[in-house]
Amino acid sequence: MPAVLSSHSGADISQRSLWFGATAAAIAWALEGAISEVIASEACRTNTGSWGPLSPGGTKVVLGLVVLVALAVSVAAILVSFRNWRRLSDTPDLMSAEAVRRGQFMGLIGVFAGIALTIGIVWSGLPLIFLDVCVKAR
């Protein structure tokens, strides 16, 4: 398998960049959900909301950091996918784009799926602002 994908326009895109853009947002979303669930369930085992030596507020901060890291990875994946698509595409307009080659498809799927998964990460992080950690876990 070649390490670099080339289009007829001369753009060279690495396979690593294509795969990061297409999959990183999904992996970030899944890991954020799993890690948040484990932390929240452990913190609410005694119905106090504290996790180990952390107070309930400290637990919310850790969960917030998990959400922020997932958001950063997801936004980076969207930007990488968009850059990859722009370099490989013949159409400058995203709404009229047709992904006829593999690289274009991976770029577009990374943009659209990344946007949807980023919204999911934001929605899963919102209860940290409004709800107690143990209410979120239920």
Protein backbone atom coordinates (compact mmCIF):
# COMPACT_ATOMS: atom_id res chain seq x y z
CA MET A 1 0.00 0.00 0.00
CA PRO A 2 1.48 3.38 -0.91
CA ALA A 3 2.24 5.74 1.94
CA VAL A 4 1.15 8.81 -0.02
CA LEU A 5 -2.05 9.36 -1.97
CA SER A 6 -1.76 11.62 -4.98
CA SER A 7 -4.51 13.20 -6.98
CA HIS A 8 -4.17 14.42 -10.53
CA SER A 9 -3.73 17.96 -9.19
CA GLY A 10 -0.42 17.01 -7.62
CA ALA A 11 -1.54 17.09 -3.98
CA ASP A 12 0.21 14.54 -1.79
CA ILE A 13 -1.78 13.33 1.20
CA SER A 14 -0.41 10.77 3.63
CA GLN A 15 -2.50 7.75 4.58
CA ARG A 16 -2.03 8.66 8.22
CA SER A 17 -3.59 12.06 7.64
CA LEU A 18 -6.53 10.56 5.77
CA TRP A 19 -7.20 7.95 8.42
CA PHE A 20 -6.79 10.41 11.30
CA GLY A 21 -9.32 12.76 9.74
CA ALA A 22 -11.80 10.00 9.02
CA THR A 23 -11.62 8.16 12.36
CA ALA A 24 -10.29 10.39 15.13
CA ALA A 25 -13.60 12.11 15.91
CA ALA A 26 -15.38 8.76 16.26
CA ILE A 27 -12.65 7.39 18.51
CA ALA A 28 -12.68 10.58 20.62
CA TRP A 29 -16.47 10.39 20.99
CA ALA A 30 -16.39 6.72 22.00
CA LEU A 31 -13.53 7.16 24.47
CA GLU A 32 -15.13 10.25 26.00
CA GLY A 33 -18.34 8.34 26.60
CA ALA A 34 -16.60 5.30 28.05
CA ILE A 35 -14.20 7.25 30.28
CA SER A 36 -16.95 9.56 31.53
CA GLU A 37 -19.17 6.59 32.33
CA VAL A 38 -16.43 4.81 34.28
CA ILE A 39 -15.50 7.93 36.26
CA ALA A 40 -19.12 8.86 36.98
CA SER A 41 -20.09 5.34 38.04
CA GLU A 42 -17.07 5.05 40.33
CA ALA A 43 -17.71 8.49 41.81
CA CYS A 44 -21.36 7.67 42.49
CA ARG A 45 -20.77 4.26 44.03
CA THR A 46 -21.16 5.83 47.51
CA ASN A 47 -23.68 8.50 46.33
CA THR A 48 -21.26 11.28 47.29
CA GLY A 49 -20.00 12.24 43.85
CA SER A 50 -16.40 12.20 45.02
CA TRP A 51 -13.93 10.06 43.12
CA GLY A 52 -11.04 8.86 45.23
CA PRO A 53 -9.40 11.86 46.87
CA LEU A 54 -11.31 14.28 44.61
CA SER A 55 -14.34 16.18 45.83
CA PRO A 56 -17.51 16.25 43.73
CA GLY A 57 -16.29 19.52 42.20
CA GLY A 58 -12.94 17.96 41.40
CA THR A 59 -14.68 15.02 39.76
CA LYS A 60 -16.64 17.45 37.57
CA VAL A 61 -13.38 19.17 36.61
CA VAL A 62 -11.81 15.84 35.58
CA LEU A 63 -14.90 14.97 33.54
CA GLY A 64 -14.78 18.43 31.98
CA LEU A 65 -11.15 17.92 31.00
CA VAL A 66 -12.05 14.59 29.38
CA VAL A 67 -14.73 16.39 27.35
CA LEU A 68 -12.34 19.20 26.37
CA VAL A 69 -9.65 16.76 25.21
CA ALA A 70 -12.22 14.86 23.16
CA LEU A 71 -13.43 18.14 21.65
CA ALA A 72 -9.90 19.15 20.75
CA VAL A 73 -9.22 15.84 19.01
CA SER A 74 -12.56 15.98 17.20
CA VAL A 75 -12.06 19.54 15.96
CA ALA A 76 -8.52 18.67 14.85
CA ALA A 77 -9.91 15.71 12.89
CA ILE A 78 -12.45 17.98 11.18
CA LEU A 79 -9.77 20.49 10.23
CA VAL A 80 -7.43 17.79 8.92
CA SER A 81 -10.27 16.21 6.92
CA PHE A 82 -11.28 19.56 5.47
CA ARG A 83 -7.69 20.34 4.51
CA ASN A 84 -7.32 16.90 2.92
CA TRP A 85 -10.54 17.32 0.97
CA ARG A 86 -9.56 20.82 -0.24
CA ARG A 87 -6.20 19.54 -1.46
CA LEU A 88 -7.74 16.58 -3.30
CA SER A 89 -10.98 18.07 -4.57
CA ASP A 90 -11.67 19.71 -7.88
CA THR A 91 -14.71 21.56 -6.49
CA PRO A 92 -14.06 24.49 -4.15
CA ASP A 93 -17.62 24.46 -2.75
CA LEU A 94 -18.27 21.95 0.04
CA MET A 95 -22.03 21.75 -0.56
CA SER A 96 -21.65 20.75 -4.21
CA ALA A 97 -18.72 18.40 -3.63
CA GLU A 98 -18.68 14.94 -5.13
CA ALA A 99 -16.19 12.53 -3.66
CA VAL A 100 -15.32 10.43 -6.67
CA ARG A 101 -11.95 9.19 -5.42
CA ARG A 102 -11.05 7.45 -2.16
CA GLY A 103 -9.13 10.37 -0.69
CA GLN A 104 -11.93 12.81 -1.41
CA PHE A 105 -14.45 10.45 0.17
CA MET A 106 -12.34 10.01 3.30
CA GLY A 107 -11.95 13.77 3.58
CA LEU A 108 -15.67 14.43 3.20
CA ILE A 109 -16.73 11.65 5.54
CA GLY A 110 -14.28 12.99 8.11
CA VAL A 111 -15.78 16.48 7.85
CA PHE A 112 -19.43 15.47 8.05
CA ALA A 113 -19.07 12.66 10.59
CA GLY A 114 -16.68 14.80 12.63
CA ILE A 115 -19.21 17.61 12.84
CA ALA A 116 -21.94 15.21 13.99
CA LEU A 117 -19.68 13.55 16.55
CA THR A 118 -18.43 16.90 17.85
CA ILE A 119 -22.04 17.88 18.50
CA GLY A 120 -22.43 14.58 20.36
CA ILE A 121 -19.40 15.34 22.52
CA VAL A 122 -20.79 18.79 23.35
CA TRP A 123 -24.18 17.31 24.24
CA SER A 124 -22.60 14.70 26.49
CA GLY A 125 -20.58 17.40 28.23
CA LEU A 126 -23.50 19.76 28.88
CA PRO A 127 -24.86 17.83 31.90
CA LEU A 128 -21.58 18.54 33.68
CA ILE A 129 -22.58 22.21 33.77
CA PHE A 130 -26.18 21.77 34.89
CA LEU A 131 -26.35 18.47 36.77
CA ASP A 132 -24.64 16.70 39.62
CA VAL A 133 -22.22 13.94 38.59
CA CYS A 134 -24.42 11.26 40.12
CA VAL A 135 -27.53 12.56 38.34
CA LYS A 136 -25.59 12.40 35.06
CA ALA A 137 -24.57 8.82 35.79
CA ARG A 138 -28.16 7.69 36.23
